[in-house]
Structures are given as structure tokens and as C-alpha cells.
């Protein structure tokens, strides 16, 4: 009883893990035996038509060509000696090149090998797709051959039949692109919100590159040593708030549109005095700027899947930036004073700035729809006209940010 259970378990395990055998309409079946033949071609074709009405008119033959081939017969003898329920199908693969070549030339024929061992009759199914058995089944020697034929026909060839291909069609199919290029593209659309930090100093670069602009302060509401960068006028370090939407194709190339906001205070020189010796900024309550940016990015990525539920996606992108400032200032002085006149003549940023950014990031997706994105980048913004009066003709800064994303994916 234990042996029968083991045999049944072996058959079920192999059948569930292997790919389904191809079922051809009006197919041809070769019955190859080592020793006594337990199924006749007539019985097997009858069983095929009985178990699968759509299979058409199959043709079943004795595989005499295989049985007369000395090298193939040696492999049949080896199978008879080594068949065991503890062996996996790949353990039964032939090592002889000639035998492998015979299997590869089966085209759309199915080859069914049978032999007896240990009071059981064994059946192995071979086709052109692999030299290892595609299916294995065992039955007691006392089992009726007609019942065996119906069991094999129903279990192995009960699926939907496919039309047999002509030689020219098979040749064309062999020239088709591989699975990567033939597959339908993967579309991915994502929505994200994020938070980060921006500053003028790029990490790992010398401080003396930035000391002059970062220590600069505004005198008389407009005077600085240099106006090429906005960081001569406002503080560079600020949190950034982000919202973005993007999409990709083939998990390789994509576009992303992003909105950013950051806040920066004006860097005033509190020691600056008017002609009466009073601080020029005495009546100034606050003076801040909000920077708003729109970014359009071309993104390249590569997806790795260490486990089915997690995807790791390093990505790089180049962005076009459109940037502008809004001012938030509160002056409590009275008109007609020197401070008021300076306040009215204060500096103004340009109406907008344009630039580019280079970005690197790492996205980690969970269960395909949820992701955490980390990214960093360097950006430059400026104006198309560079004169002594223009403010912010070339402004560099770096940023680092994290985002939470929701993805919609389909093929």
C-alpha cells in the first residue's frame, strides 16, 4: 500500500511542476517499447478520440525506427535499469548526443516510451522541446491496457488542441524574436508626494567654493557684492515639498512631471544704518520668498526583482526646470522716511528662471503598487540674458528627497 501511495505521489508531483504537453490537432503519436508492448497503436488512438473530441483524427504508430536504432536502444536499456520514483525528470535526460538529436527532430510528434520494472509498467512522454521526460506515469502490471490508454490520453492530451504547423511556419516561428522582445510592453504610471532638503553646497565639494555667496548679506534692501546667484540674496537651505506624476514603458524609459515648493528668507545686514544712525531694517517685520518649480524629466531605469513581492529600480534622469519666486514681505514703516524709500526700491527677482537638473535615485516597490523612492540631484537655473542688472543669472544647488508612490501597472 505504501509503495502505491508513493508512486501516485510521484506522478502527481511531476505533473504539477512540468509544463503542459502540446496537444496537436490530427497529431502523430509514436509508441516506443523496451520489452513487452502494453498499448497498441489502435487502442491508444481510440482512447485519444474518446477522451478529447476536438483532437481530430490522430495517427498512432509503433516507433520501429527508434527500436532499431542501436544507440537509442542502449538509452532505453539504461532507462529500464535506472527508473526510480525518487529520481527527478532531469536525472533521466540522455547524455548521448545522438539520442538528444533524435528527440530534437521529433517536430510535433509525441514519443511515448514504455517498459516494465519492479512489477510496474512505466510510461514516459518525450517531445522536441526537451530531452528529459515531459511526463512520467506508472501502473500495475495487472492493469487493463485499454484503461491505461484512456488514463494517459485523458491526463496528458486532454487539453485544447492546436493546429499543426507546416515546415515553413515552423521555420518562421524559429526566427521570431526572443521572449524579451516579443512580449507586450509593461506600462507603469505612478503618483507620488515627497519631502526633502535643498542647499547650495554640493556634498563632498570644498567649502571655499560657497563662502562668498553664503556669507553675503543685503544692504539697503538691494545692495550685494555679486548678483549672479540668488544665494547672494536669500538663504539657500530649505525643506522642499514635492508632488509628481510619471509613467514608463518596458520598465526602461519614462517621463515624469513634478511640482516643488521651497521657502527662503532674505539675508539682511542688520548692522546697516541709515543717515540718522538707525537700522535700515528697523520697521521690517519679515521678508521671505517662496520658490515654485516645475520639472519635466526624461528618466531611465532598470528593474531587479530579488523576490516576487519586491522590485528594486535604480534610475537616472535629466530635467528641464521652470522656476519663479513669490515675495512675502511686511514693512511697518511710514512713507517719506529713508527706510521706506529703500524698501520701495528693494531688489526684485526676474519673472522666471529656466535650467536643467541631473538626478539619480532608487525606487523600491512592494506588491507592484506601492513604492518608496529616494533620489538626489544637482540643478542649475538662470536667465537667457546675462547683464550686470540681472539677478540670478546662474544659480546652482543640490537636493536630496524621499517620496511615497502609488503605481498602476499593466500590459
Protein backbone atom coordinates (compact mmCIF):
# COMPACT_ATOMS: atom_id res chain seq x y z
CA UNK A 1 0.00 0.00 0.00
CA UNK A 2 2.83 2.39 0.90
CA UNK A 3 4.53 1.78 -2.45
CA UNK A 4 1.32 2.57 -4.36
CA UNK A 5 0.89 5.84 -2.49
CA UNK A 6 4.50 6.76 -3.23
CA UNK A 7 4.04 6.05 -6.94
CA UNK A 8 0.85 8.13 -7.11
CA UNK A 9 2.51 11.00 -5.24
CA UNK A 10 5.46 10.90 -7.63
CA UNK A 11 3.17 11.06 -10.66
CA UNK A 12 1.12 13.97 -9.25
CA UNK A 13 4.21 15.94 -8.19
CA UNK A 14 5.85 15.66 -11.59
CA UNK A 15 2.68 16.53 -13.46
CA UNK A 16 2.07 19.69 -11.41
CA UNK A 17 5.58 21.07 -11.90
CA UNK A 18 6.15 20.34 -15.59
CA UNK A 19 4.90 22.41 -18.47
CA UNK A 20 1.80 21.09 -20.19
CA UNK A 21 2.42 18.78 -23.19
CA UNK A 22 1.47 20.26 -26.54
CA UNK A 23 -1.79 18.82 -27.90
CA UNK A 24 -1.84 18.90 -31.70
CA UNK A 25 -4.91 18.55 -33.84
CA UNK A 26 -4.61 15.44 -36.05
CA UNK A 27 -1.30 14.76 -34.27
CA UNK A 28 1.03 11.81 -34.63
CA UNK A 29 1.98 9.54 -31.71
CA UNK A 30 4.94 7.15 -31.67
CA UNK A 31 4.81 4.21 -29.24
CA UNK A 32 8.32 3.12 -28.28
CA UNK A 33 8.71 0.00 -26.13
CA UNK A 34 11.56 -1.72 -24.36
CA UNK A 35 10.34 -5.25 -23.83
CA UNK A 36 6.66 -6.17 -23.99
CA UNK A 37 4.32 -3.65 -25.66
CA UNK A 38 1.43 -2.83 -23.30
CA UNK A 39 -0.59 -0.45 -25.50
CA UNK A 40 -1.34 -1.00 -29.16
CA UNK A 41 -1.46 1.97 -31.56
CA UNK A 42 -5.12 1.21 -32.31
CA UNK A 43 -6.14 1.26 -28.62
CA UNK A 44 -4.26 4.48 -27.96
CA UNK A 45 -5.76 6.36 -30.94
CA UNK A 46 -9.24 5.20 -29.87
CA UNK A 47 -8.55 6.44 -26.34
CA UNK A 48 -7.36 9.85 -27.66
CA UNK A 49 -10.56 10.35 -29.67
CA UNK A 50 -12.68 9.18 -26.72
CA UNK A 51 -11.05 11.46 -24.14
CA UNK A 52 -10.68 14.55 -26.38
CA UNK A 53 -13.36 15.03 -29.01
CA UNK A 54 -11.58 18.05 -30.52
CA UNK A 55 -8.30 16.25 -31.18
CA UNK A 56 -9.38 15.34 -34.71
CA UNK A 57 -8.01 12.19 -36.31
CA UNK A 58 -4.74 11.27 -34.57
CA UNK A 59 -2.32 8.78 -36.12
CA UNK A 60 -0.57 6.26 -33.86
CA UNK A 61 2.41 4.14 -34.90
CA UNK A 62 4.95 1.79 -33.43
CA UNK A 63 8.28 3.62 -33.18
CA UNK A 64 10.21 0.96 -35.03
CA UNK A 65 12.85 3.44 -36.14
CA UNK A 66 13.72 4.16 -32.50
CA UNK A 67 13.62 0.47 -31.54
CA UNK A 68 16.01 -0.47 -34.36
CA UNK A 69 18.49 2.32 -33.55
CA UNK A 70 21.30 0.67 -31.54
CA UNK A 71 22.32 3.83 -29.68
CA UNK A 72 18.73 4.72 -28.79
CA UNK A 73 18.15 1.13 -27.66
CA UNK A 74 21.08 1.44 -25.25
CA UNK A 75 19.38 4.53 -23.75
CA UNK A 76 16.14 2.51 -23.45
CA UNK A 77 18.02 -0.19 -21.58
CA UNK A 78 19.59 2.45 -19.33
CA UNK A 79 16.13 3.85 -18.57
CA UNK A 80 14.84 0.39 -17.70
CA UNK A 81 17.74 -0.07 -15.28
CA UNK A 82 17.56 3.34 -13.60
CA UNK A 83 13.86 4.21 -13.39
CA UNK A 84 13.00 5.07 -9.80
CA UNK A 85 10.29 7.19 -8.19
CA UNK A 86 12.96 9.09 -6.25
CA UNK A 87 14.57 10.49 -9.41
CA UNK A 88 13.64 13.83 -10.92
CA UNK A 89 12.94 14.02 -14.69
CA UNK A 90 16.21 15.86 -15.36
CA UNK A 91 18.06 12.86 -13.88
CA UNK A 92 16.70 10.74 -16.73
CA UNK A 93 17.95 13.00 -19.52
CA UNK A 94 20.10 11.18 -22.14
CA UNK A 95 23.79 12.13 -22.24
CA UNK A 96 24.45 10.77 -25.73
CA UNK A 97 24.43 13.48 -28.42
CA UNK A 98 22.83 11.16 -30.99
CA UNK A 99 19.85 10.40 -28.72
CA UNK A 100 19.37 14.08 -27.89
CA UNK A 101 19.43 14.88 -31.60
CA UNK A 102 16.77 12.22 -32.32
CA UNK A 103 14.48 13.81 -29.72
CA UNK A 104 15.04 17.32 -31.07
CA UNK A 105 13.89 16.18 -34.54
CA UNK A 106 10.53 14.84 -33.37
CA UNK A 107 8.90 18.08 -34.62
CA UNK A 108 5.29 17.95 -33.43
CA UNK A 109 5.25 14.18 -32.85
CA UNK A 110 4.79 12.80 -29.33
CA UNK A 111 7.00 9.89 -28.35
CA UNK A 112 5.69 7.59 -25.61
CA UNK A 113 8.22 5.16 -24.11
CA UNK A 114 7.08 2.12 -22.09
CA UNK A 115 8.92 -0.54 -20.11
CA UNK A 116 8.39 -2.78 -17.10
CA UNK A 117 10.28 -2.72 -13.81
CA UNK A 118 9.51 -3.89 -10.27
CA UNK A 119 6.03 -5.24 -11.10
CA UNK A 120 5.04 -1.94 -12.68
CA UNK A 121 4.75 -0.66 -16.20
CA UNK A 122 6.31 2.76 -16.76
CA UNK A 123 5.33 5.33 -19.37
CA UNK A 124 7.48 8.36 -20.27
CA UNK A 125 6.48 11.15 -22.66
CA UNK A 126 9.09 12.89 -24.82
CA UNK A 127 8.76 15.71 -27.35
CA UNK A 128 11.04 18.07 -29.29
CA UNK A 129 11.14 20.77 -26.58
CA UNK A 130 13.41 18.87 -24.19
CA UNK A 131 15.42 15.68 -23.99
CA UNK A 132 14.16 14.95 -20.48
CA UNK A 133 10.78 13.22 -19.97
CA UNK A 134 7.88 15.67 -20.06
CA UNK A 135 5.58 13.30 -18.18
CA UNK A 136 6.04 10.07 -16.22
CA UNK A 137 3.35 7.62 -15.11
CA UNK A 138 3.32 4.12 -13.61
CA UNK A 139 0.64 1.44 -13.46
CA UNK A 140 0.42 -2.10 -12.01
CA UNK A 141 1.29 -4.86 -14.46
CA UNK A 142 -2.20 -6.28 -13.98
CA UNK A 143 -3.91 -3.07 -15.18
CA UNK A 144 -6.02 -3.42 -18.32
CA UNK A 145 -4.23 -1.88 -21.34
CA UNK A 146 -7.39 -0.11 -22.54
CA UNK A 147 -7.76 1.62 -19.16
CA UNK A 148 -4.08 2.61 -19.22
CA UNK A 149 -4.52 4.09 -22.69
CA UNK A 150 -7.55 6.13 -21.61
CA UNK A 151 -5.78 7.34 -18.45
CA UNK A 152 -2.73 8.53 -20.42
CA UNK A 153 -4.85 10.10 -23.16
CA UNK A 154 -7.02 12.00 -20.66
CA UNK A 155 -4.22 13.17 -18.36
CA UNK A 156 -1.61 14.05 -20.98
CA UNK A 157 -3.62 15.06 -24.05
CA UNK A 158 -6.95 16.31 -22.69
CA UNK A 159 -6.20 20.00 -23.35
CA UNK A 160 -7.29 22.25 -26.20
CA UNK A 161 -5.68 21.08 -29.47
CA UNK A 162 -3.51 23.42 -31.53
CA UNK A 163 -3.26 23.48 -35.31
CA UNK A 164 -0.15 21.70 -36.55
CA UNK A 165 2.36 23.98 -38.24
CA UNK A 166 3.77 23.42 -41.69
CA UNK A 167 7.54 23.24 -42.20
CA UNK A 168 7.61 26.85 -43.47
CA UNK A 169 5.56 28.03 -40.48
CA UNK A 170 7.88 26.22 -38.07
CA UNK A 171 10.88 27.86 -39.74
CA UNK A 172 9.29 31.31 -39.44
CA UNK A 173 8.41 30.70 -35.79
CA UNK A 174 12.01 29.75 -35.04
CA UNK A 175 13.10 33.16 -36.34
CA UNK A 176 10.71 35.12 -34.11
CA UNK A 177 12.30 37.49 -31.56
CA UNK A 178 13.08 36.05 -28.15
CA UNK A 179 10.64 36.37 -25.27
CA UNK A 180 12.00 39.76 -24.10
CA UNK A 181 11.39 41.45 -27.44
CA UNK A 182 8.22 39.56 -28.35
CA UNK A 183 6.43 40.27 -25.09
CA UNK A 184 3.93 43.07 -24.77
CA UNK A 185 5.34 46.22 -23.19
CA UNK A 186 4.87 46.81 -19.47
CA UNK A 187 3.18 50.15 -18.79
CA UNK A 188 3.66 51.83 -15.42
CA UNK A 189 2.03 55.06 -14.21
CA UNK A 190 2.77 56.46 -10.76
CA UNK A 191 1.65 59.28 -8.46
CA UNK A 192 3.87 60.48 -5.66
CA UNK A 193 4.34 63.01 -2.86
CA UNK A 194 7.65 63.72 -1.22
CA UNK A 195 9.75 65.75 1.17
CA UNK A 196 13.40 66.69 1.01
CA UNK A 197 16.09 69.28 1.57
CA UNK A 198 17.90 71.65 -0.76
CA UNK A 199 21.09 73.69 -0.29
CA UNK A 200 23.67 75.49 -2.35
CA UNK A 201 26.63 73.39 -1.22
CA UNK A 202 27.08 70.16 -3.12
CA UNK A 203 28.26 67.40 -0.75
CA UNK A 204 31.94 66.44 -0.94
CA UNK A 205 32.94 69.76 -2.54
CA UNK A 206 35.16 72.38 -0.84
CA UNK A 207 33.51 74.98 1.42
CA UNK A 208 35.51 77.84 -0.10
CA UNK A 209 33.51 77.43 -3.31
CA UNK A 210 30.46 78.77 -1.49
CA UNK A 211 31.72 81.00 1.34
CA UNK A 212 31.40 84.26 -0.58
CA UNK A 213 27.78 83.82 -1.64
CA UNK A 214 26.60 82.14 1.57
CA UNK A 215 28.03 84.89 3.79
CA UNK A 216 26.68 87.67 1.62
CA UNK A 217 24.05 89.99 3.16
CA UNK A 218 21.75 92.63 1.66
CA UNK A 219 22.41 96.26 2.45
CA UNK A 220 19.84 98.96 1.89
CA UNK A 221 17.31 96.37 0.60
CA UNK A 222 19.20 95.82 -2.69
CA UNK A 223 22.97 96.05 -2.46
CA UNK A 224 25.16 92.91 -2.53
CA UNK A 225 28.70 92.22 -3.73
CA UNK A 226 27.55 89.95 -6.59
CA UNK A 227 24.16 89.23 -8.14
CA UNK A 228 24.96 86.23 -10.36
CA UNK A 229 23.35 83.77 -7.90
CA UNK A 230 20.14 84.16 -5.93
CA UNK A 231 22.04 82.80 -2.92
CA UNK A 232 23.70 86.21 -2.54
CA UNK A 233 20.22 87.50 -1.60
CA UNK A 234 18.39 84.65 0.16
CA UNK A 235 19.22 81.72 2.41
CA UNK A 236 19.97 78.58 0.42
CA UNK A 237 19.00 75.86 2.91
CA UNK A 238 15.32 74.90 2.93
CA UNK A 239 12.91 71.96 3.10
CA UNK A 240 11.29 71.10 -0.23
CA UNK A 241 7.79 69.74 -0.77
CA UNK A 242 7.08 67.69 -3.88
CA UNK A 243 4.16 66.27 -5.86
CA UNK A 244 4.72 64.39 -9.09
CA UNK A 245 3.25 62.05 -11.69
CA UNK A 246 5.16 59.83 -14.08
CA UNK A 247 4.98 56.91 -16.45
CA UNK A 248 7.34 54.39 -18.02
CA UNK A 249 7.45 51.83 -20.84
CA UNK A 250 9.16 48.42 -20.76
CA UNK A 251 10.45 49.28 -17.24
CA UNK A 252 13.22 51.12 -19.09
CA UNK A 253 12.30 54.66 -20.19
CA UNK A 254 9.78 57.13 -18.84
CA UNK A 255 8.67 60.73 -18.30
CA UNK A 256 7.90 62.48 -15.03
CA UNK A 257 6.28 65.84 -14.26
CA UNK A 258 7.00 67.35 -10.83
CA UNK A 259 5.93 70.37 -8.80
CA UNK A 260 8.22 71.64 -5.99
CA UNK A 261 8.00 74.34 -3.37
CA UNK A 262 10.68 75.68 -1.02
CA UNK A 263 10.90 78.75 1.26
CA UNK A 264 13.88 81.08 1.67
CA UNK A 265 14.39 84.11 3.90
CA UNK A 266 16.16 87.25 2.70
CA UNK A 267 19.68 87.64 4.15
CA UNK A 268 19.61 91.19 5.54
CA UNK A 269 22.52 93.01 7.12
CA UNK A 270 21.04 94.09 10.47
CA UNK A 271 24.01 96.39 11.09
CA UNK A 272 23.18 98.51 8.05
CA UNK A 273 22.26 102.04 9.27
CA UNK A 274 20.51 104.97 7.64
CA UNK A 275 21.86 108.56 7.76
CA UNK A 276 20.38 109.03 11.23
CA UNK A 277 22.24 106.02 12.60
CA UNK A 278 19.09 103.87 12.82
CA UNK A 279 18.92 100.34 11.39
CA UNK A 280 17.52 100.49 7.90
CA UNK A 281 15.56 97.33 8.69
CA UNK A 282 14.04 98.51 11.98
CA UNK A 283 10.47 98.62 10.57
CA UNK A 284 10.83 95.36 8.61
CA UNK A 285 8.76 92.58 10.20
CA UNK A 286 9.73 89.76 7.83
CA UNK A 287 10.98 89.24 4.28
CA UNK A 288 10.68 85.79 2.73
CA UNK A 289 10.47 84.22 -0.70
CA UNK A 290 8.70 81.07 -1.86
CA UNK A 291 10.28 79.29 -4.79
CA UNK A 292 7.98 77.28 -7.06
CA UNK A 293 9.36 74.93 -9.68
CA UNK A 294 8.00 72.77 -12.49
CA UNK A 295 10.24 69.94 -13.71
CA UNK A 296 9.82 67.72 -16.77
CA UNK A 297 12.20 64.74 -16.58
CA UNK A 298 13.30 62.05 -19.01
CA UNK A 299 14.00 59.01 -16.88
CA UNK A 300 15.85 55.75 -17.48
CA UNK A 301 15.53 52.81 -15.13
CA UNK A 302 16.45 49.14 -14.67
CA UNK A 303 14.25 46.78 -12.66
CA UNK A 304 15.58 43.96 -10.47
CA UNK A 305 13.30 41.54 -8.63
CA UNK A 306 15.13 39.77 -5.76
CA UNK A 307 11.83 38.21 -4.62
CA UNK A 308 8.41 38.23 -6.35
CA UNK A 309 6.91 40.81 -3.95
CA UNK A 310 9.72 43.38 -4.17
CA UNK A 311 11.21 45.29 -7.11
CA UNK A 312 14.42 47.32 -6.86
CA UNK A 313 14.65 50.04 -9.52
CA UNK A 314 17.72 52.31 -9.79
CA UNK A 315 17.01 55.23 -12.10
CA UNK A 316 18.66 58.31 -13.59
CA UNK A 317 17.01 61.32 -15.17
CA UNK A 318 17.62 64.69 -16.76
CA UNK A 319 15.15 67.51 -16.05
CA UNK A 320 14.11 70.78 -17.63
CA UNK A 321 13.20 73.32 -14.93
CA UNK A 322 10.88 76.32 -14.94
CA UNK A 323 11.25 78.29 -11.68
CA UNK A 324 9.84 81.51 -10.21
CA UNK A 325 9.68 83.31 -6.84
CA UNK A 326 6.87 84.93 -4.90
CA UNK A 327 7.65 87.50 -2.21
CA UNK A 328 6.21 87.67 1.31
CA UNK A 329 7.26 90.95 3.00
CA UNK A 330 5.77 93.05 5.80
CA UNK A 331 7.10 96.58 6.30
CA UNK A 332 5.58 98.67 9.10
CA UNK A 333 7.34 101.98 8.41
CA UNK A 334 5.69 105.20 7.24
CA UNK A 335 6.01 106.70 3.78
CA UNK A 336 8.51 109.50 3.34
CA UNK A 337 11.22 108.02 5.54
CA UNK A 338 14.61 106.90 4.29
CA UNK A 339 13.83 103.31 5.27
CA UNK A 340 10.55 103.44 3.34
CA UNK A 341 12.27 104.71 0.22
CA UNK A 342 14.82 101.91 0.47
CA UNK A 343 12.01 99.40 0.99
CA UNK A 344 10.22 100.65 -2.14
CA UNK A 345 13.45 100.39 -4.15
CA UNK A 346 14.30 96.89 -2.95
CA UNK A 347 15.67 94.29 -5.36
CA UNK A 348 13.36 92.13 -7.46
CA UNK A 349 13.98 88.64 -8.84
CA UNK A 350 13.42 88.01 -12.54
CA UNK A 351 9.91 86.93 -13.58
CA UNK A 352 11.13 83.36 -14.06
CA UNK A 353 14.23 81.21 -14.39
CA UNK A 354 14.92 78.15 -16.50
CA UNK A 355 17.52 75.43 -16.11
CA UNK A 356 18.42 71.78 -16.05
CA UNK A 357 18.98 69.13 -13.39
CA UNK A 358 20.68 65.75 -13.26
CA UNK A 359 19.18 63.22 -10.86
CA UNK A 360 19.93 59.75 -9.50
CA UNK A 361 17.51 57.65 -7.49
CA UNK A 362 16.47 54.28 -6.14
CA UNK A 363 12.86 53.14 -6.12
CA UNK A 364 11.72 50.14 -4.06
CA UNK A 365 8.29 48.80 -5.00
CA UNK A 366 6.23 46.49 -2.80
CA UNK A 367 3.49 44.23 -4.20
CA UNK A 368 3.77 46.12 -7.54
CA UNK A 369 1.53 49.04 -6.48
CA UNK A 370 3.35 50.75 -3.59
CA UNK A 371 6.83 52.24 -3.66
CA UNK A 372 9.36 54.30 -1.71
CA UNK A 373 11.64 56.50 -3.80
CA UNK A 374 14.93 58.07 -2.74
CA UNK A 375 16.68 60.50 -5.05
CA UNK A 376 19.31 63.23 -5.17
CA UNK A 377 20.41 65.68 -7.80
CA UNK A 378 22.20 68.86 -8.86
CA UNK A 379 20.46 71.72 -10.65
CA UNK A 380 21.37 75.00 -12.34
CA UNK A 381 18.91 77.80 -13.06
CA UNK A 382 19.50 81.04 -14.88
CA UNK A 383 18.24 83.53 -17.45
CA UNK A 384 18.69 83.82 -21.18
CA UNK A 385 20.04 87.39 -20.77
CA UNK A 386 23.12 88.00 -18.64
CA UNK A 387 23.80 91.64 -17.67
CA UNK A 388 25.06 93.47 -14.61
CA UNK A 389 21.45 94.23 -13.59
CA UNK A 390 20.11 90.68 -13.92
CA UNK A 391 19.74 88.79 -10.62
CA UNK A 392 20.35 85.05 -10.55
CA UNK A 393 21.88 84.50 -13.98
CA UNK A 394 23.48 81.27 -12.74
CA UNK A 395 22.30 79.55 -9.55
CA UNK A 396 23.46 76.06 -8.55
CA UNK A 397 22.10 73.90 -5.75
CA UNK A 398 21.78 70.27 -4.71
CA UNK A 399 18.90 68.37 -3.19
CA UNK A 400 18.01 65.05 -1.58
CA UNK A 401 14.45 63.81 -1.19
CA UNK A 402 12.21 60.85 -0.38
CA UNK A 403 8.80 60.07 -1.84
CA UNK A 404 5.85 57.73 -1.37
CA UNK A 405 4.30 56.47 -4.60
CA UNK A 406 1.30 54.55 -5.87
CA UNK A 407 1.77 52.65 -9.13
CA UNK A 408 -0.70 51.36 -11.73
CA UNK A 409 0.87 48.68 -13.95
CA UNK A 410 -0.49 46.78 -16.93
CA UNK A 411 0.50 45.19 -20.22
